[in-house]
N, C-alpha and C. Protein backbone atom coordinates (compact mmCIF):
# COMPACT_ATOMS: atom_id res chain seq x y z
N CYS A 1 -43.89 24.95 -148.80
CA CYS A 1 -44.51 24.73 -147.50
C CYS A 1 -43.45 24.18 -146.55
N ARG A 2 -43.80 24.09 -145.28
CA ARG A 2 -42.88 23.63 -144.24
C ARG A 2 -43.63 22.72 -143.29
N SER A 3 -43.01 21.61 -142.90
CA SER A 3 -43.66 20.68 -141.97
C SER A 3 -43.60 21.23 -140.55
N VAL A 4 -44.69 21.03 -139.81
CA VAL A 4 -44.73 21.45 -138.42
C VAL A 4 -44.57 20.26 -137.49
N SER A 5 -44.54 19.07 -138.06
CA SER A 5 -44.25 17.84 -137.32
C SER A 5 -43.60 16.88 -138.31
N ALA A 6 -43.15 15.74 -137.81
CA ALA A 6 -42.56 14.74 -138.70
C ALA A 6 -43.62 14.32 -139.73
N VAL A 7 -43.19 14.12 -140.97
CA VAL A 7 -44.10 13.79 -142.06
C VAL A 7 -43.57 12.59 -142.82
N SER A 8 -44.46 11.65 -143.15
CA SER A 8 -44.09 10.49 -143.97
C SER A 8 -44.19 10.85 -145.44
N VAL A 9 -43.15 10.51 -146.18
CA VAL A 9 -43.13 10.72 -147.63
C VAL A 9 -43.34 9.36 -148.28
N ARG A 10 -44.27 9.30 -149.24
CA ARG A 10 -44.57 8.05 -149.94
C ARG A 10 -44.33 8.21 -151.43
N ARG A 11 -44.01 7.10 -152.10
CA ARG A 11 -43.68 7.11 -153.53
C ARG A 11 -44.87 7.58 -154.36
N GLY A 12 -46.06 7.10 -154.05
CA GLY A 12 -47.24 7.46 -154.82
C GLY A 12 -48.24 8.25 -154.01
N LYS A 13 -49.29 8.65 -154.67
CA LYS A 13 -50.34 9.46 -154.05
C LYS A 13 -51.11 8.69 -152.97
N ALA A 14 -51.30 7.40 -153.19
CA ALA A 14 -52.07 6.58 -152.24
C ALA A 14 -51.32 6.42 -150.92
N LEU A 15 -52.07 6.46 -149.82
CA LEU A 15 -51.47 6.26 -148.51
C LEU A 15 -50.87 4.86 -148.36
N SER A 16 -51.30 3.94 -149.21
CA SER A 16 -50.78 2.57 -149.16
C SER A 16 -49.55 2.39 -150.05
N SER A 17 -49.11 3.44 -150.74
CA SER A 17 -47.95 3.32 -151.63
C SER A 17 -46.66 3.17 -150.82
N GLU A 18 -45.59 2.84 -151.51
CA GLU A 18 -44.29 2.57 -150.87
C GLU A 18 -43.81 3.76 -150.03
N PHE A 19 -43.41 3.45 -148.81
CA PHE A 19 -42.86 4.44 -147.88
C PHE A 19 -41.46 4.81 -148.36
N VAL A 20 -41.17 6.11 -148.46
CA VAL A 20 -39.84 6.58 -148.87
C VAL A 20 -39.02 6.90 -147.63
N LYS A 21 -39.52 7.80 -146.80
CA LYS A 21 -38.82 8.16 -145.56
C LYS A 21 -39.70 9.08 -144.73
N GLU A 22 -39.31 9.27 -143.48
CA GLU A 22 -39.96 10.24 -142.62
C GLU A 22 -39.01 11.43 -142.51
N VAL A 23 -39.54 12.62 -142.70
CA VAL A 23 -38.72 13.83 -142.60
C VAL A 23 -39.13 14.59 -141.34
N PRO A 24 -38.18 15.28 -140.73
CA PRO A 24 -38.45 15.95 -139.46
C PRO A 24 -39.26 17.24 -139.60
N ALA A 25 -39.80 17.68 -138.48
CA ALA A 25 -40.47 18.98 -138.43
C ALA A 25 -39.49 20.04 -138.88
N GLY A 26 -40.00 21.04 -139.57
CA GLY A 26 -39.16 22.13 -140.05
C GLY A 26 -38.62 21.93 -141.45
N THR A 27 -38.94 20.77 -142.05
CA THR A 27 -38.47 20.50 -143.41
C THR A 27 -39.22 21.39 -144.39
N GLU A 28 -38.49 22.02 -145.28
CA GLU A 28 -39.08 22.87 -146.32
C GLU A 28 -39.35 22.00 -147.55
N PHE A 29 -40.49 22.23 -148.19
CA PHE A 29 -40.87 21.49 -149.39
C PHE A 29 -41.18 22.44 -150.53
N GLU A 30 -40.86 22.00 -151.73
CA GLU A 30 -41.32 22.65 -152.95
C GLU A 30 -42.52 21.83 -153.41
N VAL A 31 -43.67 22.45 -153.59
CA VAL A 31 -44.87 21.72 -154.02
C VAL A 31 -44.81 21.53 -155.53
N LEU A 32 -44.82 20.26 -155.96
CA LEU A 32 -44.76 19.93 -157.38
C LEU A 32 -46.14 19.72 -157.98
N ASP A 33 -47.08 19.24 -157.14
CA ASP A 33 -48.45 18.97 -157.58
C ASP A 33 -49.36 19.10 -156.36
N PRO A 34 -50.32 20.02 -156.38
CA PRO A 34 -51.20 20.17 -155.23
C PRO A 34 -52.14 19.00 -155.02
N GLY A 35 -52.23 18.09 -155.99
CA GLY A 35 -53.06 16.90 -155.83
C GLY A 35 -54.50 17.23 -155.52
N GLU A 36 -55.18 16.25 -154.93
CA GLU A 36 -56.58 16.40 -154.54
C GLU A 36 -56.69 16.07 -153.06
N GLY A 37 -57.68 16.64 -152.42
CA GLY A 37 -57.86 16.36 -151.00
C GLY A 37 -56.70 16.89 -150.19
N ARG A 38 -56.17 16.05 -149.33
CA ARG A 38 -55.09 16.50 -148.44
C ARG A 38 -53.70 16.07 -148.88
N ARG A 39 -53.56 15.51 -150.09
CA ARG A 39 -52.27 15.01 -150.57
C ARG A 39 -51.55 16.04 -151.44
N LEU A 40 -50.23 16.13 -151.27
CA LEU A 40 -49.37 17.03 -152.04
C LEU A 40 -48.17 16.26 -152.56
N LYS A 41 -47.81 16.48 -153.82
CA LYS A 41 -46.56 15.93 -154.32
C LYS A 41 -45.50 17.00 -154.10
N VAL A 42 -44.41 16.61 -153.42
CA VAL A 42 -43.41 17.59 -153.01
C VAL A 42 -41.99 17.10 -153.25
N ARG A 43 -41.10 18.05 -153.22
CA ARG A 43 -39.67 17.76 -153.18
C ARG A 43 -39.16 18.43 -151.91
N ALA A 44 -38.58 17.64 -151.01
CA ALA A 44 -38.03 18.20 -149.79
C ALA A 44 -36.75 18.95 -150.13
N VAL A 45 -36.62 20.13 -149.60
CA VAL A 45 -35.46 20.97 -149.85
C VAL A 45 -34.52 20.83 -148.67
N PRO A 46 -33.32 20.28 -148.90
CA PRO A 46 -32.40 20.12 -147.76
C PRO A 46 -31.97 21.48 -147.22
N SER A 47 -31.79 21.54 -145.92
CA SER A 47 -31.30 22.76 -145.28
C SER A 47 -30.21 22.35 -144.30
N LYS A 48 -29.59 23.32 -143.69
CA LYS A 48 -28.53 22.98 -142.74
C LYS A 48 -29.09 22.27 -141.51
N PHE A 49 -30.39 22.35 -141.27
CA PHE A 49 -30.99 21.69 -140.13
C PHE A 49 -31.65 20.37 -140.49
N ALA A 50 -31.87 20.13 -141.78
CA ALA A 50 -32.50 18.89 -142.23
C ALA A 50 -31.85 18.43 -143.53
N ALA A 51 -30.52 18.31 -143.52
CA ALA A 51 -29.78 17.96 -144.73
C ALA A 51 -30.18 16.59 -145.26
N SER A 52 -30.51 15.67 -144.37
CA SER A 52 -30.86 14.31 -144.81
C SER A 52 -32.30 14.20 -145.29
N ALA A 53 -33.03 15.31 -145.29
CA ALA A 53 -34.44 15.27 -145.66
C ALA A 53 -34.68 15.25 -147.16
N ALA A 54 -33.65 15.47 -147.97
CA ALA A 54 -33.82 15.58 -149.43
C ALA A 54 -34.49 14.33 -150.00
N CYS A 55 -35.64 14.51 -150.64
CA CYS A 55 -36.36 13.41 -151.28
C CYS A 55 -37.55 14.00 -152.04
N GLU A 56 -38.23 13.15 -152.78
CA GLU A 56 -39.41 13.57 -153.54
C GLU A 56 -40.48 12.52 -153.35
N GLY A 57 -41.73 12.96 -153.25
CA GLY A 57 -42.84 12.03 -153.11
C GLY A 57 -44.11 12.75 -152.67
N TRP A 58 -45.02 11.98 -152.11
CA TRP A 58 -46.32 12.50 -151.70
C TRP A 58 -46.42 12.55 -150.18
N ILE A 59 -47.00 13.64 -149.68
CA ILE A 59 -47.23 13.81 -148.25
C ILE A 59 -48.67 14.25 -148.02
N SER A 60 -49.11 14.15 -146.78
CA SER A 60 -50.42 14.69 -146.39
C SER A 60 -50.20 16.06 -145.79
N GLU A 61 -51.06 17.02 -146.14
CA GLU A 61 -50.93 18.35 -145.54
C GLU A 61 -51.60 18.40 -144.17
N ARG A 62 -52.46 17.42 -143.89
CA ARG A 62 -53.10 17.32 -142.58
C ARG A 62 -53.49 15.86 -142.34
N THR A 63 -53.71 15.51 -141.08
CA THR A 63 -54.11 14.15 -140.73
C THR A 63 -55.59 13.94 -141.03
N ARG A 64 -56.03 12.70 -140.91
CA ARG A 64 -57.46 12.40 -141.08
C ARG A 64 -58.32 13.21 -140.12
N ASP A 65 -57.76 13.46 -138.93
CA ASP A 65 -58.49 14.21 -137.90
C ASP A 65 -58.40 15.72 -138.08
N GLY A 66 -57.71 16.16 -139.14
CA GLY A 66 -57.61 17.58 -139.42
C GLY A 66 -56.41 18.29 -138.81
N GLN A 67 -55.52 17.54 -138.13
CA GLN A 67 -54.33 18.15 -137.55
C GLN A 67 -53.39 18.59 -138.66
N THR A 68 -52.94 19.83 -138.61
CA THR A 68 -52.06 20.39 -139.63
C THR A 68 -50.68 19.76 -139.56
N LEU A 69 -50.17 19.31 -140.72
CA LEU A 69 -48.82 18.74 -140.81
C LEU A 69 -47.85 19.67 -141.51
N VAL A 70 -48.36 20.46 -142.46
CA VAL A 70 -47.52 21.43 -143.18
C VAL A 70 -48.24 22.76 -143.29
N VAL A 71 -47.45 23.82 -143.32
CA VAL A 71 -47.99 25.17 -143.47
C VAL A 71 -47.26 25.86 -144.61
N LYS A 72 -47.88 26.91 -145.12
CA LYS A 72 -47.21 27.70 -146.17
C LYS A 72 -45.98 28.35 -145.56
N ALA A 73 -44.88 28.30 -146.29
CA ALA A 73 -43.64 28.92 -145.81
C ALA A 73 -43.37 30.17 -146.62
N HIS A 74 -42.97 31.20 -145.94
CA HIS A 74 -42.61 32.45 -146.59
C HIS A 74 -41.10 32.59 -146.52
N PRO A 75 -40.44 32.87 -147.63
CA PRO A 75 -38.97 32.95 -147.64
C PRO A 75 -38.39 33.86 -146.56
N TRP A 76 -39.07 34.98 -146.29
CA TRP A 76 -38.52 35.92 -145.31
C TRP A 76 -38.65 35.43 -143.88
N THR A 77 -39.47 34.40 -143.63
CA THR A 77 -39.60 33.86 -142.27
C THR A 77 -38.69 32.67 -142.04
N THR A 78 -38.09 32.13 -143.10
CA THR A 78 -37.27 30.93 -142.95
C THR A 78 -36.11 31.16 -141.99
N ALA A 79 -35.41 32.27 -142.12
CA ALA A 79 -34.26 32.54 -141.25
C ALA A 79 -34.69 32.64 -139.80
N ILE A 80 -35.82 33.29 -139.55
CA ILE A 80 -36.33 33.41 -138.19
C ILE A 80 -36.72 32.04 -137.67
N THR A 81 -37.41 31.27 -138.48
CA THR A 81 -37.85 29.94 -138.07
C THR A 81 -36.65 29.06 -137.75
N GLU A 82 -35.61 29.09 -138.60
CA GLU A 82 -34.43 28.27 -138.36
C GLU A 82 -33.72 28.71 -137.09
N ALA A 83 -33.64 30.03 -136.86
CA ALA A 83 -33.00 30.53 -135.64
C ALA A 83 -33.79 30.09 -134.41
N GLU A 84 -35.11 30.19 -134.48
CA GLU A 84 -35.95 29.75 -133.36
C GLU A 84 -35.81 28.25 -133.13
N ALA A 85 -35.75 27.49 -134.22
CA ALA A 85 -35.60 26.04 -134.10
C ALA A 85 -34.29 25.69 -133.41
N MET A 86 -33.21 26.35 -133.81
CA MET A 86 -31.92 26.07 -133.19
C MET A 86 -31.91 26.50 -131.73
N GLU A 87 -32.51 27.64 -131.43
CA GLU A 87 -32.58 28.09 -130.05
C GLU A 87 -33.35 27.08 -129.21
N SER A 88 -34.47 26.62 -129.72
CA SER A 88 -35.28 25.62 -129.03
C SER A 88 -34.48 24.34 -128.84
N PHE A 89 -33.77 23.92 -129.88
CA PHE A 89 -32.97 22.70 -129.81
C PHE A 89 -31.87 22.85 -128.77
N ASP A 90 -31.18 24.01 -128.75
CA ASP A 90 -30.11 24.25 -127.79
C ASP A 90 -30.63 24.23 -126.37
N VAL A 91 -31.79 24.85 -126.13
CA VAL A 91 -32.39 24.87 -124.80
C VAL A 91 -32.72 23.45 -124.37
N LYS A 92 -33.32 22.66 -125.26
CA LYS A 92 -33.68 21.28 -124.93
C LYS A 92 -32.43 20.45 -124.66
N ALA A 93 -31.38 20.62 -125.47
CA ALA A 93 -30.14 19.86 -125.29
C ALA A 93 -29.52 20.19 -123.94
N LYS A 94 -29.50 21.48 -123.56
CA LYS A 94 -28.95 21.87 -122.27
C LYS A 94 -29.77 21.29 -121.13
N LYS A 95 -31.10 21.30 -121.27
CA LYS A 95 -31.97 20.75 -120.24
C LYS A 95 -31.74 19.25 -120.10
N ASP A 96 -31.65 18.53 -121.22
CA ASP A 96 -31.40 17.08 -121.18
C ASP A 96 -30.07 16.78 -120.50
N LYS A 97 -29.05 17.58 -120.81
CA LYS A 97 -27.73 17.38 -120.21
C LYS A 97 -27.81 17.61 -118.70
N LYS A 98 -28.52 18.67 -118.28
CA LYS A 98 -28.68 18.97 -116.86
C LYS A 98 -29.45 17.86 -116.16
N ASP A 99 -30.52 17.35 -116.79
CA ASP A 99 -31.31 16.27 -116.21
C ASP A 99 -30.46 15.02 -115.99
N LYS A 100 -29.61 14.70 -116.97
CA LYS A 100 -28.73 13.53 -116.84
C LYS A 100 -27.75 13.72 -115.69
N LYS A 101 -27.21 14.95 -115.56
CA LYS A 101 -26.27 15.24 -114.48
C LYS A 101 -26.97 15.12 -113.14
N ASP A 102 -28.19 15.65 -113.02
CA ASP A 102 -28.95 15.59 -111.77
C ASP A 102 -29.24 14.15 -111.37
N LYS A 103 -29.49 13.27 -112.34
CA LYS A 103 -29.77 11.86 -112.04
C LYS A 103 -28.53 11.16 -111.48
N LYS A 104 -27.34 11.57 -111.93
CA LYS A 104 -26.10 10.97 -111.45
C LYS A 104 -25.83 11.37 -110.01
N ASP A 105 -26.23 12.59 -109.64
CA ASP A 105 -25.97 13.12 -108.29
C ASP A 105 -26.88 12.52 -107.30
């Protein structure tokens, strides 16, 4: 699966268990245990866009309110998704740089 927003990884299944780390949107996960309810035991798979995301633990697939946090990832879409993510990042970085320049003027 792949996160569509930042996701908190916890040591145990319980939401009150020890916090491991927060991983960014776009992080790919290998599902180790589908768990019950909305919890999944996963191993984050590092990529060139989320190299620091490598970890193992439990995440929620959706929020209490039903907002989706992770979606099924298909291997053939990963390259497209990564390209789109980088394009989006580049556009945002250029816009931020332009905004800073405009503020100076």
